[in-house]
Amino acid sequence: LYFTAFSLVCYTCDAQTSNDACKTQTICSGVNQQCMTTVATAGVGSLSYTSITKVCSPLCKATSFGTSVGSGSTSCCSTDLCNVSGATGVKYSFTALALSLGFLLVLLRN
């Protein structure tokens, strides 16, 4: 109980399609001192899929990527319930996804 009082608390979820489904509060174990949020989006045409995963993590590196059919980002923070929203770069990832899909459609029409 002593260690619990000083443990980090993060929101956690696994492969959810909405951030609203990621509201479970988890007390992280001693080595897990970062809240990590990963958002991945994939799609072609009007079809798209988003997966949001939030975990307690011992190590975390903020990253983002984009390809012609998808994008993703990981964000990290280290205060209680700091990962309430999706990964910071996700709004930029949606833009990258839209541009990538548009470019892909232009290539396919030629």
C-alpha atoms as a PDB file:
ATOM      1  CA  LEU A   1       0.000   0.000   0.000  1.00  0.00           C
ATOM      2  CA  TYR A   2       2.891   2.355   0.711  1.00  0.00           C
ATOM      3  CA  PHE A   3       4.183   2.048  -2.864  1.00  0.00           C
ATOM      4  CA  THR A   4       0.697   2.443  -4.330  1.00  0.00           C
ATOM      5  CA  ALA A   5       0.380   5.933  -2.837  1.00  0.00           C
ATOM      6  CA  PHE A   6       3.366   7.077  -4.881  1.00  0.00           C
ATOM      7  CA  SER A   7       2.677   5.129  -8.081  1.00  0.00           C
ATOM      8  CA  LEU A   8       1.757   6.758 -11.357  1.00  0.00           C
ATOM      9  CA  VAL A   9      -1.872   6.468 -12.495  1.00  0.00           C
ATOM     10  CA  CYS A  10      -2.549   6.221 -16.250  1.00  0.00           C
ATOM     11  CA  TYR A  11      -5.589   5.688 -18.428  1.00  0.00           C
ATOM     12  CA  THR A  12      -5.298   2.283 -20.115  1.00  0.00           C
ATOM     13  CA  CYS A  13      -7.028   0.473 -22.972  1.00  0.00           C
ATOM     14  CA  ASP A  14      -6.150  -1.944 -25.754  1.00  0.00           C
ATOM     15  CA  ALA A  15      -6.932  -1.397 -29.445  1.00  0.00           C
ATOM     16  CA  GLN A  16     -10.025   0.765 -28.953  1.00  0.00           C
ATOM     17  CA  THR A  17     -11.605   2.648 -31.856  1.00  0.00           C
ATOM     18  CA  SER A  18     -12.525   5.674 -29.737  1.00  0.00           C
ATOM     19  CA  ASN A  19     -10.730   7.672 -27.058  1.00  0.00           C
ATOM     20  CA  ASP A  20     -13.997   7.604 -25.071  1.00  0.00           C
ATOM     21  CA  ALA A  21     -13.426   3.864 -24.564  1.00  0.00           C
ATOM     22  CA  CYS A  22     -10.028   4.556 -22.970  1.00  0.00           C
ATOM     23  CA  LYS A  23     -11.057   5.802 -19.530  1.00  0.00           C
ATOM     24  CA  THR A  24      -9.932   2.894 -17.314  1.00  0.00           C
ATOM     25  CA  GLN A  25      -7.648   4.234 -14.578  1.00  0.00           C
ATOM     26  CA  THR A  26      -4.724   1.942 -13.764  1.00  0.00           C
ATOM     27  CA  ILE A  27      -2.166   2.230 -10.972  1.00  0.00           C
ATOM     28  CA  CYS A  28       1.170   1.527 -12.644  1.00  0.00           C
ATOM     29  CA  SER A  29       3.730  -0.804 -11.080  1.00  0.00           C
ATOM     30  CA  GLY A  30       6.991   0.636  -9.758  1.00  0.00           C
ATOM     31  CA  VAL A  31       9.079   0.395 -12.942  1.00  0.00           C
ATOM     32  CA  ASN A  32       6.329   1.775 -15.168  1.00  0.00           C
ATOM     33  CA  GLN A  33       6.770   5.515 -14.737  1.00  0.00           C
ATOM     34  CA  GLN A  34       5.372   6.700 -18.083  1.00  0.00           C
ATOM     35  CA  CYS A  35       1.882   6.777 -19.558  1.00  0.00           C
ATOM     36  CA  MET A  36       2.163   5.803 -23.233  1.00  0.00           C
ATOM     37  CA  THR A  37      -0.564   6.407 -25.824  1.00  0.00           C
ATOM     38  CA  THR A  38      -0.341   4.938 -29.315  1.00  0.00           C
ATOM     39  CA  VAL A  39      -2.811   5.830 -32.063  1.00  0.00           C
ATOM     40  CA  ALA A  40      -2.719   4.060 -35.434  1.00  0.00           C
ATOM     41  CA  THR A  41      -4.978   4.835 -38.381  1.00  0.00           C
ATOM     42  CA  ALA A  42      -5.248   2.895 -41.623  1.00  0.00           C
ATOM     43  CA  GLY A  43      -7.568   3.287 -44.545  1.00  0.00           C
ATOM     44  CA  VAL A  44      -8.213   3.233 -48.251  1.00  0.00           C
ATOM     45  CA  GLY A  45     -10.825   5.369 -49.927  1.00  0.00           C
ATOM     46  CA  SER A  46     -13.748   6.045 -47.616  1.00  0.00           C
ATOM     47  CA  LEU A  47     -12.838   3.133 -45.334  1.00  0.00           C
ATOM     48  CA  SER A  48     -10.671   3.862 -42.314  1.00  0.00           C
ATOM     49  CA  TYR A  49      -9.849   2.231 -38.990  1.00  0.00           C
ATOM     50  CA  THR A  50      -8.373   3.795 -35.861  1.00  0.00           C
ATOM     51  CA  SER A  51      -6.800   1.863 -32.997  1.00  0.00           C
ATOM     52  CA  ILE A  52      -5.958   3.534 -29.673  1.00  0.00           C
ATOM     53  CA  THR A  53      -3.856   1.788 -27.029  1.00  0.00           C
ATOM     54  CA  LYS A  54      -2.854   3.287 -23.684  1.00  0.00           C
ATOM     55  CA  VAL A  55      -0.495   1.554 -21.246  1.00  0.00           C
ATOM     56  CA  CYS A  56       1.817   2.087 -18.298  1.00  0.00           C
ATOM     57  CA  SER A  57       5.356   1.792 -19.618  1.00  0.00           C
ATOM     58  CA  PRO A  58       8.904   1.720 -18.214  1.00  0.00           C
ATOM     59  CA  LEU A  59      10.224   3.393 -21.371  1.00  0.00           C
ATOM     60  CA  CYS A  60       8.485   5.592 -23.895  1.00  0.00           C
ATOM     61  CA  LYS A  61       9.635   7.525 -26.940  1.00  0.00           C
ATOM     62  CA  ALA A  62       7.324   9.992 -28.674  1.00  0.00           C
ATOM     63  CA  THR A  63       7.172   9.166 -32.384  1.00  0.00           C
ATOM     64  CA  SER A  64       4.966   9.583 -35.423  1.00  0.00           C
ATOM     65  CA  PHE A  65       4.881   8.079 -38.898  1.00  0.00           C
ATOM     66  CA  GLY A  66       2.831   8.218 -42.049  1.00  0.00           C
ATOM     67  CA  THR A  67       2.568   5.965 -45.093  1.00  0.00           C
ATOM     68  CA  SER A  68       0.319   5.861 -48.127  1.00  0.00           C
ATOM     69  CA  VAL A  69      -2.257   3.728 -46.302  1.00  0.00           C
ATOM     70  CA  GLY A  70      -1.860   4.680 -42.664  1.00  0.00           C
ATOM     71  CA  SER A  71      -0.302   6.767 -39.952  1.00  0.00           C
ATOM     72  CA  GLY A  72       0.427   6.556 -36.285  1.00  0.00           C
ATOM     73  CA  SER A  73       1.840   8.358 -33.312  1.00  0.00           C
ATOM     74  CA  THR A  74       2.995   7.636 -29.792  1.00  0.00           C
ATOM     75  CA  SER A  75       2.984  10.174 -26.986  1.00  0.00           C
ATOM     76  CA  CYS A  76       4.441   9.939 -23.499  1.00  0.00           C
ATOM     77  CA  CYS A  77       3.781  11.710 -20.211  1.00  0.00           C
ATOM     78  CA  SER A  78       4.591  11.130 -16.564  1.00  0.00           C
ATOM     79  CA  THR A  79       1.953  12.720 -14.335  1.00  0.00           C
ATOM     80  CA  ASP A  80      -1.232  11.142 -13.012  1.00  0.00           C
ATOM     81  CA  LEU A  81      -3.917  10.717 -15.698  1.00  0.00           C
ATOM     82  CA  CYS A  82      -1.917  12.842 -18.142  1.00  0.00           C
ATOM     83  CA  ASN A  83      -2.881  10.628 -21.110  1.00  0.00           C
ATOM     84  CA  VAL A  84      -6.557  11.574 -21.077  1.00  0.00           C
ATOM     85  CA  SER A  85      -6.544  12.578 -24.751  1.00  0.00           C
ATOM     86  CA  GLY A  86      -5.191  10.734 -27.780  1.00  0.00           C
ATOM     87  CA  ALA A  87      -1.577  10.990 -28.898  1.00  0.00           C
ATOM     88  CA  THR A  88      -0.548  14.584 -29.506  1.00  0.00           C
ATOM     89  CA  GLY A  89       0.337  14.082 -33.130  1.00  0.00           C
ATOM     90  CA  VAL A  90      -2.886  12.385 -34.114  1.00  0.00           C
ATOM     91  CA  LYS A  91      -4.492  15.488 -35.648  1.00  0.00           C
ATOM     92  CA  TYR A  92      -1.466  15.841 -37.896  1.00  0.00           C
ATOM     93  CA  SER A  93      -1.603  12.125 -38.685  1.00  0.00           C
ATOM     94  CA  PHE A  94      -5.151  12.421 -40.008  1.00  0.00           C
ATOM     95  CA  THR A  95      -3.966  15.195 -42.328  1.00  0.00           C
ATOM     96  CA  ALA A  96      -1.043  13.053 -43.457  1.00  0.00           C
ATOM     97  CA  LEU A  97      -3.395  10.138 -44.029  1.00  0.00           C
ATOM     98  CA  ALA A  98      -5.781  12.234 -46.126  1.00  0.00           C
ATOM     99  CA  LEU A  99      -2.947  13.639 -48.235  1.00  0.00           C
ATOM    100  CA  SER A 100      -1.402  10.194 -48.680  1.00  0.00           C
ATOM    101  CA  LEU A 101      -4.699   8.657 -49.743  1.00  0.00           C
ATOM    102  CA  GLY A 102      -5.351  11.515 -52.168  1.00  0.00           C
ATOM    103  CA  PHE A 103      -1.923  11.039 -53.716  1.00  0.00           C
ATOM    104  CA  LEU A 104      -2.503   7.291 -53.965  1.00  0.00           C
ATOM    105  CA  LEU A 105      -5.829   7.816 -55.746  1.00  0.00           C
ATOM    106  CA  VAL A 106      -4.202  10.185 -58.253  1.00  0.00           C
ATOM    107  CA  LEU A 107      -1.524   7.574 -58.976  1.00  0.00           C
ATOM    108  CA  LEU A 108      -4.106   4.812 -59.420  1.00  0.00           C
ATOM    109  CA  ARG A 109      -6.128   6.858 -61.914  1.00  0.00           C
ATOM    110  CA  ASN A 110      -3.103   7.373 -64.176  1.00  0.00           C
END
